Amino acid sequence: MLNTTYSYKAHLSPAKFFTQLSFLLLVSLLCLILQSFQAVAKPSLQSLEHQQLNEILFNIHTYYVDDLKLQNTFVTQPDNLQVEALFERLDPYSKYLDETELDAIFSSTNGRYTGLGIEVKVEDGRVYIVNTINNSPAALAGLQVNDEVIAINQQPILDKSIEEVAKLIRQSGQSAVDVAVKREKDTELNFSIKRQQINLQSVHGHLANTGVALISINSFNNHTLHDVARELAKMQVTNSFPLSGLIIDLRDNPGGTLQGAIEVADLFLDNGTIVSTKGRFNEANQKYKAHKGDILSGAPIAVLINENSASAAEILAAALRDNQRAVLIGETSFGKGSVQSLIPLGNGNTALKLTTARYYTPAGQSIDGKGITPDVSINQTMLSEIDQGVIIKNIQELALFSSLLDGQDKKQLTAKQLFIMQ
């Protein structure tokens, strides 16, 4: 539940309305593409009162990224069916959020949620696990990446939407959830797992003896900047001299908060544009610039991406590549280039998650529906999913990143020798 109560001011101009609520303080989100099982089913609009419907329509008419040219009679005299039909005209990231969904979003951006601890994708009506969160109920039970989820509580889920599957899981309440999966060679396994509150650790680090570090960022939340800076500082101390290079692993990172991506990019840039956003009203048009101060002092960076790297992950990757700060390695990214804002409704217990802008890379490109093409294409199977030391070794052997490290190696070796002599 929101702690702050927002009052609806339909008579305010769009600029003043968003100035009072603060565009980014409404938690501008780059929405998660790969929905995890803590998601809830789409709330019905049938129970909403006319005042709430008017509020929703006012915000869509005023702030939605595309001008739908709604008729005045439709805006002032809506009914529930009309509003539901209108949502069908919006992009898939715009939706009405009930109290439960809103609370789940705030919990997620603060690095916690209640669930099983898996991220999934749907292919041809089948649900596959793409990630299990460390120390989550799912990971501890033994669920694995690439498992196909075939049934929840003995109910087959073939051709069911993620929302329908999530509802089946949530209906278990405090009881254990029975999850049936199909593994390699058609092996069927059954697990009994209880939903728990999960504290998300968005960053993991590994340091090789060559002085090259790897940072894996699983998602972007309000703590990601702190987590990245802390991991880098810890590895700098362990290394006893400046890092010779950094690999940022954004594979299977579904995104998160816009601010998180901007802050992390700013760690490695001395200047330049990080990202810009464009929408129909003034406050949606923003350009975010880097501040002076590169935490790595110019040491080379490689960024790993794949087809599941989306939204905030793509912002970070594009910001570093377009500013000639990093080389991108892997596969073409997902291609989600829109920004969602949370607009509180009524007393603030519910909200409208609305696409209010599209973002553009520093080179001025929209990657929506296209993704980011890496500088070096590598099939996912060529990189270890688990052993970070193997990932570092493989990336170091690539000619492009190796050449970036060459000049750095001599400088860092001298620094190490001086440290030993002292």
Protein backbone atom coordinates (compact mmCIF):
# COMPACT_ATOMS: atom_id res chain seq x y z
CA MET A 1 0.00 0.00 0.00
CA LEU A 2 1.20 3.51 -0.74
CA ASN A 3 2.01 5.58 2.30
CA THR A 4 1.42 8.86 0.53
CA THR A 5 -2.06 9.92 -0.50
CA TYR A 6 -2.33 11.67 -3.87
CA SER A 7 -5.34 13.76 -4.75
CA TYR A 8 -6.53 13.90 -8.33
CA LYS A 9 -6.46 17.37 -9.87
CA ALA A 10 -8.22 17.13 -13.21
CA HIS A 11 -8.27 20.90 -13.58
CA LEU A 12 -4.47 21.21 -13.58
CA SER A 13 -2.59 21.65 -16.81
CA PRO A 14 -0.50 18.62 -17.84
CA ALA A 15 2.77 20.39 -17.04
CA LYS A 16 1.63 21.57 -13.61
CA PHE A 17 0.11 18.19 -12.80
CA PHE A 18 3.38 16.40 -13.45
CA THR A 19 5.45 19.13 -11.83
CA GLN A 20 3.52 18.68 -8.58
CA LEU A 21 3.74 14.90 -8.61
CA SER A 22 7.25 14.98 -10.08
CA PHE A 23 7.57 12.97 -13.25
CA LEU A 24 10.38 10.75 -12.09
CA LEU A 25 9.18 10.57 -8.48
CA LEU A 26 6.19 8.72 -9.88
CA VAL A 27 8.74 5.95 -10.33
CA SER A 28 9.39 6.06 -14.04
CA LEU A 29 9.96 2.43 -14.86
CA LEU A 30 11.39 0.49 -17.70
CA CYS A 31 9.06 -2.40 -17.17
CA LEU A 32 10.32 -5.97 -16.72
CA ILE A 33 9.87 -7.90 -19.96
CA LEU A 34 10.39 -11.39 -18.63
CA GLN A 35 7.54 -11.63 -16.17
CA SER A 36 8.33 -13.59 -13.02
CA PHE A 37 5.87 -15.71 -11.10
CA GLN A 38 5.24 -13.03 -8.52
CA ALA A 39 3.13 -11.27 -11.14
CA VAL A 40 -0.60 -11.21 -10.58
CA ALA A 41 -3.53 -11.65 -12.91
CA LYS A 42 -4.85 -8.64 -14.77
CA PRO A 43 -7.26 -6.83 -12.43
CA SER A 44 -10.77 -6.31 -13.72
CA LEU A 45 -11.98 -2.83 -14.56
CA GLN A 46 -15.62 -3.87 -14.15
CA SER A 47 -15.73 -2.84 -10.49
CA LEU A 48 -14.36 0.68 -10.99
CA GLU A 49 -16.59 3.68 -10.37
CA HIS A 50 -17.17 6.43 -12.94
CA GLN A 51 -14.86 8.82 -11.10
CA GLN A 52 -12.01 6.30 -11.35
CA LEU A 53 -12.76 5.67 -15.02
CA ASN A 54 -12.71 9.39 -15.73
CA GLU A 55 -9.40 9.64 -13.93
CA ILE A 56 -7.91 6.84 -16.00
CA LEU A 57 -9.15 8.32 -19.27
CA PHE A 58 -7.88 11.78 -18.39
CA ASN A 59 -4.38 10.41 -17.82
CA ILE A 60 -4.39 8.30 -20.98
CA HIS A 61 -5.67 11.22 -23.04
CA THR A 62 -3.07 13.58 -21.56
CA TYR A 63 0.08 11.53 -21.01
CA TYR A 64 0.06 8.40 -23.19
CA VAL A 65 3.02 8.41 -25.58
CA ASP A 66 0.80 8.35 -28.69
CA ASP A 67 -2.08 10.72 -29.30
CA LEU A 68 -5.14 8.47 -29.58
CA LYS A 69 -7.36 11.44 -30.47
CA LEU A 70 -10.08 10.36 -28.06
CA GLN A 71 -13.47 11.96 -28.62
CA ASN A 72 -14.56 14.37 -25.90
CA THR A 73 -17.78 12.44 -25.22
CA PHE A 74 -15.75 9.29 -24.69
CA VAL A 75 -13.43 11.03 -22.25
CA THR A 76 -16.21 12.58 -20.17
CA GLN A 77 -18.77 9.76 -20.24
CA PRO A 78 -16.89 6.46 -20.14
CA ASP A 79 -18.22 3.10 -19.07
CA ASN A 80 -16.27 0.03 -17.94
CA LEU A 81 -16.46 -1.79 -21.25
CA GLN A 82 -15.27 1.26 -23.17
CA VAL A 83 -12.25 1.62 -20.87
CA GLU A 84 -11.39 -2.06 -21.21
CA ALA A 85 -11.59 -1.67 -24.98
CA LEU A 86 -9.32 1.37 -24.75
CA PHE A 87 -6.65 -0.63 -22.92
CA GLU A 88 -6.65 -3.03 -25.85
CA ARG A 89 -5.52 -0.10 -28.01
CA LEU A 90 -2.59 0.68 -25.72
CA ASP A 91 0.79 -1.04 -25.79
CA PRO A 92 1.16 -4.22 -23.65
CA TYR A 93 3.10 -2.37 -20.93
CA SER A 94 0.26 -0.02 -20.02
CA LYS A 95 -2.28 -1.30 -17.51
CA TYR A 96 -4.39 -0.56 -14.45
CA LEU A 97 -2.76 -1.72 -11.20
CA ASP A 98 -4.79 -2.76 -8.19
CA GLU A 99 -3.43 -2.45 -4.66
CA THR A 100 -1.72 -5.85 -4.73
CA GLU A 101 0.07 -5.22 -8.03
CA LEU A 102 1.14 -1.75 -6.99
CA ASP A 103 2.60 -3.06 -3.75
CA ALA A 104 4.42 -5.78 -5.69
CA ILE A 105 6.03 -3.21 -7.99
CA PHE A 106 7.23 -1.06 -5.10
CA SER A 107 8.57 -4.13 -3.32
CA SER A 108 10.41 -5.22 -6.46
CA THR A 109 12.01 -1.81 -7.02
CA ASN A 110 13.17 -1.93 -3.40
CA GLY A 111 14.76 -5.31 -3.99
CA ARG A 112 12.23 -7.71 -2.50
CA TYR A 113 9.04 -9.59 -3.33
CA THR A 114 7.03 -12.61 -2.26
CA GLY A 115 7.13 -15.55 -4.64
CA LEU A 116 8.99 -18.66 -5.77
CA GLY A 117 12.05 -16.90 -7.16
CA ILE A 118 12.01 -17.76 -10.86
CA GLU A 119 11.93 -15.71 -14.05
CA VAL A 120 10.24 -17.26 -17.05
CA LYS A 121 9.58 -16.78 -20.73
CA VAL A 122 6.86 -18.19 -23.00
CA GLU A 123 7.68 -19.88 -26.30
CA ASP A 124 4.98 -21.50 -28.45
CA GLY A 125 2.62 -21.66 -25.48
CA ARG A 126 5.20 -23.32 -23.24
CA VAL A 127 6.66 -21.75 -20.08
CA TYR A 128 10.42 -22.05 -19.59
CA ILE A 129 12.54 -20.97 -16.62
CA VAL A 130 15.27 -18.51 -17.66
CA ASN A 131 16.62 -17.72 -14.19
CA THR A 132 16.35 -18.87 -10.59
CA ILE A 133 17.20 -16.31 -7.93
CA ASN A 134 20.00 -17.32 -5.58
CA ASN A 135 18.79 -18.73 -2.24
CA SER A 136 15.15 -18.45 -3.36
CA PRO A 137 12.64 -21.24 -2.59
CA ALA A 138 12.82 -22.36 -6.23
CA ALA A 139 16.63 -22.48 -6.31
CA LEU A 140 16.83 -24.32 -3.00
CA ALA A 141 14.20 -26.82 -4.17
CA GLY A 142 16.23 -27.62 -7.28
CA LEU A 143 14.42 -25.90 -10.18
CA GLN A 144 16.86 -25.13 -12.99
CA VAL A 145 17.25 -22.82 -15.97
CA ASN A 146 15.64 -24.30 -19.13
CA ASP A 147 13.18 -26.42 -17.12
CA GLU A 148 9.76 -26.36 -18.81
CA VAL A 149 6.99 -25.78 -16.30
CA ILE A 150 4.18 -28.12 -17.33
CA ALA A 151 1.75 -28.00 -14.38
CA ILE A 152 0.92 -25.99 -11.27
CA ASN A 153 -0.98 -27.77 -8.49
CA GLN A 154 -1.72 -30.64 -10.90
CA GLN A 155 -3.27 -28.27 -13.46
CA PRO A 156 -1.59 -28.32 -16.93
CA ILE A 157 -0.48 -24.86 -18.05
CA LEU A 158 0.12 -25.42 -21.77
CA ASP A 159 -1.08 -22.35 -23.71
CA LYS A 160 -1.94 -20.48 -20.50
CA SER A 161 -0.76 -16.88 -20.11
CA ILE A 162 1.80 -15.95 -17.48
CA GLU A 163 -0.94 -14.07 -15.62
CA GLU A 164 -3.07 -17.24 -15.47
CA VAL A 165 -0.12 -19.28 -14.21
CA ALA A 166 0.71 -16.62 -11.62
CA LYS A 167 -2.87 -16.72 -10.38
CA LEU A 168 -2.64 -20.50 -9.90
CA ILE A 169 0.49 -20.01 -7.81
CA ARG A 170 -0.95 -17.20 -5.71
CA GLN A 171 -4.09 -19.20 -4.97
CA SER A 172 -1.91 -21.53 -2.89
CA GLY A 173 -1.55 -18.76 -0.31
CA GLN A 174 0.59 -20.01 2.58
CA SER A 175 0.39 -23.61 1.39
CA ALA A 176 3.10 -25.20 -0.71
CA VAL A 177 2.86 -24.89 -4.50
CA ASP A 178 3.18 -28.10 -6.49
CA VAL A 179 5.33 -27.38 -9.55
CA ALA A 180 5.81 -30.02 -12.25
CA VAL A 181 8.61 -29.51 -14.78
CA LYS A 182 10.05 -31.32 -17.77
CA ARG A 183 13.83 -31.51 -17.87
CA GLU A 184 16.29 -32.90 -20.43
CA LYS A 185 15.39 -36.21 -22.10
CA ASP A 186 11.73 -35.70 -21.21
CA THR A 187 12.34 -36.32 -17.51
CA GLU A 188 9.38 -35.12 -15.45
CA LEU A 189 10.07 -33.86 -11.94
CA ASN A 190 7.73 -32.62 -9.21
CA PHE A 191 8.54 -30.03 -6.57
CA SER A 192 6.63 -28.76 -3.53
CA ILE A 193 7.66 -25.16 -2.89
CA LYS A 194 6.38 -22.51 -0.47
CA ARG A 195 6.25 -18.87 -1.53
CA GLN A 196 8.47 -16.65 0.61
CA GLN A 197 9.66 -13.07 0.74
CA ILE A 198 12.79 -12.86 -1.37
CA ASN A 199 15.46 -10.22 -1.01
CA LEU A 200 16.84 -9.65 -4.48
CA GLN A 201 20.62 -9.43 -4.78
CA SER A 202 20.90 -7.68 -8.11
CA VAL A 203 24.70 -7.76 -8.40
CA HIS A 204 27.35 -10.51 -8.17
CA GLY A 205 31.08 -10.03 -8.67
CA HIS A 206 34.12 -12.17 -9.53
CA LEU A 207 37.79 -11.18 -9.81
CA ALA A 208 40.33 -13.07 -11.94
CA ASN A 209 44.03 -13.20 -11.10
CA THR A 210 44.68 -11.15 -14.26
CA GLY A 211 43.02 -8.14 -12.62
CA VAL A 212 39.95 -8.37 -14.88
CA ALA A 213 36.68 -8.30 -12.92
CA LEU A 214 33.19 -9.48 -13.83
CA ILE A 215 30.00 -7.87 -12.54
CA SER A 216 26.72 -9.70 -13.17
CA ILE A 217 23.68 -7.41 -12.91
CA ASN A 218 20.47 -9.45 -12.70
CA SER A 219 18.05 -6.49 -12.69
CA PHE A 220 17.93 -2.79 -11.86
CA ASN A 221 16.33 -1.59 -8.63
CA ASN A 222 16.82 1.22 -6.13
CA HIS A 223 19.91 -0.48 -4.68
CA THR A 224 21.78 -1.42 -7.87
CA LEU A 225 24.07 1.62 -7.92
CA HIS A 226 25.17 0.95 -4.34
CA ASP A 227 25.60 -2.77 -5.03
CA VAL A 228 27.76 -2.21 -8.14
CA ALA A 229 29.94 0.41 -6.44
CA ARG A 230 30.39 -1.83 -3.39
CA GLU A 231 31.39 -4.86 -5.48
CA LEU A 232 33.89 -2.84 -7.50
CA ALA A 233 35.40 -1.29 -4.36
CA LYS A 234 35.73 -4.73 -2.76
CA MET A 235 37.48 -6.14 -5.83
CA GLN A 236 39.80 -3.13 -6.05
CA VAL A 237 40.91 -3.78 -2.47
CA THR A 238 41.32 -7.51 -3.11
CA ASN A 239 43.30 -6.83 -6.28
CA SER A 240 45.68 -4.47 -4.44
CA PHE A 241 45.94 -2.32 -7.57
CA PRO A 242 43.52 -0.82 -10.11
CA LEU A 243 41.43 -3.28 -12.12
CA SER A 244 42.87 -3.94 -15.57
CA GLY A 245 39.43 -4.42 -17.12
CA LEU A 246 35.76 -5.05 -16.39
CA ILE A 247 33.13 -7.35 -17.90
CA ILE A 248 29.50 -6.37 -17.21
CA ASP A 249 27.16 -9.33 -17.69
CA LEU A 250 23.66 -8.18 -18.64
CA ARG A 251 22.50 -11.46 -20.18
CA ASP A 252 18.94 -12.37 -19.16
CA ASN A 253 18.61 -9.02 -17.36
CA PRO A 254 14.94 -8.03 -17.94
CA GLY A 255 15.39 -4.40 -16.88
CA GLY A 256 14.00 -2.50 -13.92
CA THR A 257 14.17 1.15 -12.96
CA LEU A 258 15.27 3.82 -15.40
CA GLN A 259 17.15 5.63 -12.64
CA GLY A 260 19.13 2.51 -11.75
CA ALA A 261 20.44 2.15 -15.30
CA ILE A 262 21.33 5.85 -15.53
CA GLU A 263 23.22 5.80 -12.23
CA VAL A 264 25.26 2.71 -13.13
CA ALA A 265 26.16 4.14 -16.56
CA ASP A 266 27.28 7.35 -14.87
CA LEU A 267 29.82 5.38 -12.81
CA PHE A 268 31.88 4.67 -15.92
CA LEU A 269 31.43 7.86 -17.97
CA ASP A 270 33.21 11.21 -17.69
CA ASN A 271 30.79 13.02 -19.99
CA GLY A 272 28.24 12.52 -22.75
CA THR A 273 24.56 11.65 -22.97
CA ILE A 274 23.38 8.50 -21.20
CA VAL A 275 19.84 8.36 -22.57
CA SER A 276 17.08 10.70 -23.70
CA THR A 277 13.31 10.28 -23.51
CA LYS A 278 10.62 11.76 -25.76
CA GLY A 279 6.88 11.97 -25.20
CA ARG A 280 3.86 14.19 -25.88
CA PHE A 281 4.17 16.54 -22.91
CA ASN A 282 7.08 18.68 -21.79
CA GLU A 283 8.22 16.72 -18.73
CA ALA A 284 8.44 13.50 -20.76
CA ASN A 285 11.22 15.03 -22.85
CA GLN A 286 14.41 14.57 -20.86
CA LYS A 287 18.11 14.19 -21.60
CA TYR A 288 20.29 12.54 -18.98
CA LYS A 289 23.98 13.52 -18.99
CA ALA A 290 26.96 11.85 -17.37
CA HIS A 291 28.89 13.59 -14.60
CA LYS A 292 32.67 13.76 -14.52
CA GLY A 293 34.32 10.84 -12.77
CA ASP A 294 34.99 7.36 -14.17
CA ILE A 295 35.27 4.84 -11.33
CA LEU A 296 37.62 2.67 -13.46
CA SER A 297 39.78 5.56 -14.72
CA GLY A 298 39.42 4.41 -18.33
CA ALA A 299 40.09 0.67 -17.90
CA PRO A 300 38.46 -1.23 -20.79
CA ILE A 301 34.92 -2.58 -20.42
CA ALA A 302 33.12 -5.41 -22.21
CA VAL A 303 29.33 -5.75 -21.88
CA LEU A 304 27.62 -9.10 -22.43
CA ILE A 305 24.06 -9.05 -23.81
CA ASN A 306 21.66 -11.61 -25.24
CA GLU A 307 18.09 -11.79 -26.57
CA ASN A 308 16.71 -11.50 -23.02
CA SER A 309 18.62 -8.30 -22.15
CA ALA A 310 15.86 -5.71 -22.09
CA SER A 311 14.88 -2.12 -21.23
CA ALA A 312 17.18 -0.79 -18.48
CA ALA A 313 19.84 -3.33 -19.47
CA GLU A 314 19.70 -2.00 -23.02
CA ILE A 315 19.99 1.57 -21.78
CA LEU A 316 23.23 0.76 -19.95
CA ALA A 317 24.65 -1.21 -22.87
CA ALA A 318 23.86 1.51 -25.41
CA ALA A 319 25.14 4.31 -23.16
CA LEU A 320 28.53 2.68 -22.74
CA ARG A 321 28.87 1.62 -26.40
CA ASP A 322 27.69 4.89 -27.97
CA ASN A 323 30.09 6.86 -25.75
CA GLN A 324 32.96 4.62 -26.92
CA ARG A 325 33.37 3.35 -23.35
CA ALA A 326 32.65 -0.36 -23.90
CA VAL A 327 32.52 -3.09 -26.50
CA LEU A 328 29.28 -5.13 -26.70
CA ILE A 329 29.58 -8.91 -26.96
CA GLY A 330 26.91 -11.56 -27.38
CA GLU A 331 23.56 -11.58 -29.19
CA THR A 332 21.10 -8.89 -30.31
CA SER A 333 19.12 -7.65 -27.30
CA PHE A 334 15.35 -7.81 -26.76
CA GLY A 335 14.37 -4.35 -28.03
CA LYS A 336 12.17 -2.62 -25.46
CA GLY A 337 12.51 1.12 -25.83
CA SER A 338 9.55 2.60 -23.95
CA VAL A 339 9.25 4.22 -20.54
CA GLN A 340 6.39 3.58 -18.14
CA SER A 341 5.31 5.95 -15.36
CA LEU A 342 3.24 5.07 -12.31
CA ILE A 343 0.41 7.58 -11.99
CA PRO A 344 -1.45 7.29 -8.66
CA LEU A 345 -5.24 7.03 -8.81
CA GLY A 346 -7.81 8.04 -6.19
CA ASN A 347 -6.29 7.91 -2.72
CA GLY A 348 -3.05 6.40 -4.02
CA ASN A 349 -3.81 2.74 -3.34
CA THR A 350 -4.11 1.98 -7.05
CA ALA A 351 -2.27 3.34 -10.06
CA LEU A 352 -2.08 3.53 -13.81
CA LYS A 353 1.13 2.14 -15.31
CA LEU A 354 1.28 4.07 -18.53
CA THR A 355 3.78 4.31 -21.36
CA THR A 356 4.56 8.02 -21.36
CA ALA A 357 7.75 8.20 -23.43
CA ARG A 358 10.17 6.33 -25.67
CA TYR A 359 13.85 6.35 -24.94
CA TYR A 360 16.66 7.01 -27.39
CA THR A 361 20.27 5.95 -27.22
CA PRO A 362 23.08 8.55 -27.13
CA ALA A 363 23.39 8.03 -30.90
CA GLY A 364 19.74 9.09 -31.22
CA GLN A 365 18.41 5.63 -32.10
CA SER A 366 15.18 4.04 -30.88
CA ILE A 367 15.78 0.34 -30.32
CA ASP A 368 12.11 -0.48 -29.69
CA GLY A 369 11.32 -3.71 -31.50
CA LYS A 370 14.86 -3.86 -32.93
CA GLY A 371 17.25 -4.42 -30.06
CA ILE A 372 20.95 -3.58 -29.90
CA THR A 373 23.36 -5.39 -32.20
CA PRO A 374 26.62 -6.34 -30.44
CA ASP A 375 30.05 -5.41 -31.76
CA VAL A 376 31.10 -9.06 -31.47
CA SER A 377 28.50 -11.77 -32.00
CA ILE A 378 28.85 -14.85 -29.83
CA ASN A 379 26.33 -17.65 -29.48
CA GLN A 380 25.03 -18.08 -25.92
CA THR A 381 26.34 -21.65 -25.78
CA MET A 382 29.92 -20.42 -26.24
CA LEU A 383 29.89 -18.79 -22.80
CA SER A 384 29.53 -20.58 -19.49
CA GLU A 385 26.25 -19.78 -17.73
CA ILE A 386 27.68 -20.55 -14.30
CA ASP A 387 31.48 -20.34 -14.05
CA GLN A 388 32.37 -16.66 -13.97
CA GLY A 389 36.08 -17.46 -14.15
CA VAL A 390 35.51 -19.28 -17.45
CA ILE A 391 33.51 -16.32 -18.78
CA ILE A 392 36.37 -13.93 -17.99
CA LYS A 393 38.92 -16.25 -19.64
CA ASN A 394 36.81 -16.58 -22.80
CA ILE A 395 36.20 -12.84 -23.10
CA GLN A 396 39.87 -12.04 -22.50
CA GLU A 397 40.80 -14.27 -25.42
CA LEU A 398 38.63 -12.30 -27.86
CA ALA A 399 40.83 -10.24 -30.17
CA LEU A 400 38.83 -7.01 -29.76
CA PHE A 401 38.81 -6.99 -25.95
CA SER A 402 42.37 -8.37 -25.83
CA SER A 403 43.64 -5.40 -27.81
CA LEU A 404 41.92 -3.02 -25.40
CA LEU A 405 43.64 -4.76 -22.49
CA ASP A 406 47.13 -4.72 -24.05
CA GLY A 407 47.99 -1.12 -23.25
CA GLN A 408 46.35 -1.40 -19.85
CA ASP A 409 48.27 -4.54 -18.87
CA LYS A 410 51.69 -2.85 -18.96
CA LYS A 411 50.48 0.04 -16.83
CA GLN A 412 48.84 -2.23 -14.28
CA LEU A 413 51.83 -4.57 -14.13
CA THR A 414 54.06 -1.63 -13.28
CA ALA A 415 51.61 -0.58 -10.60
CA LYS A 416 51.65 -4.09 -9.15
CA GLN A 417 55.44 -4.25 -9.13
CA LEU A 418 55.61 -0.89 -7.37
CA PHE A 419 53.11 -2.12 -4.80
CA ILE A 420 55.20 -5.23 -4.09
CA MET A 421 58.42 -3.19 -3.85
CA GLN A 422 56.87 -0.94 -1.25
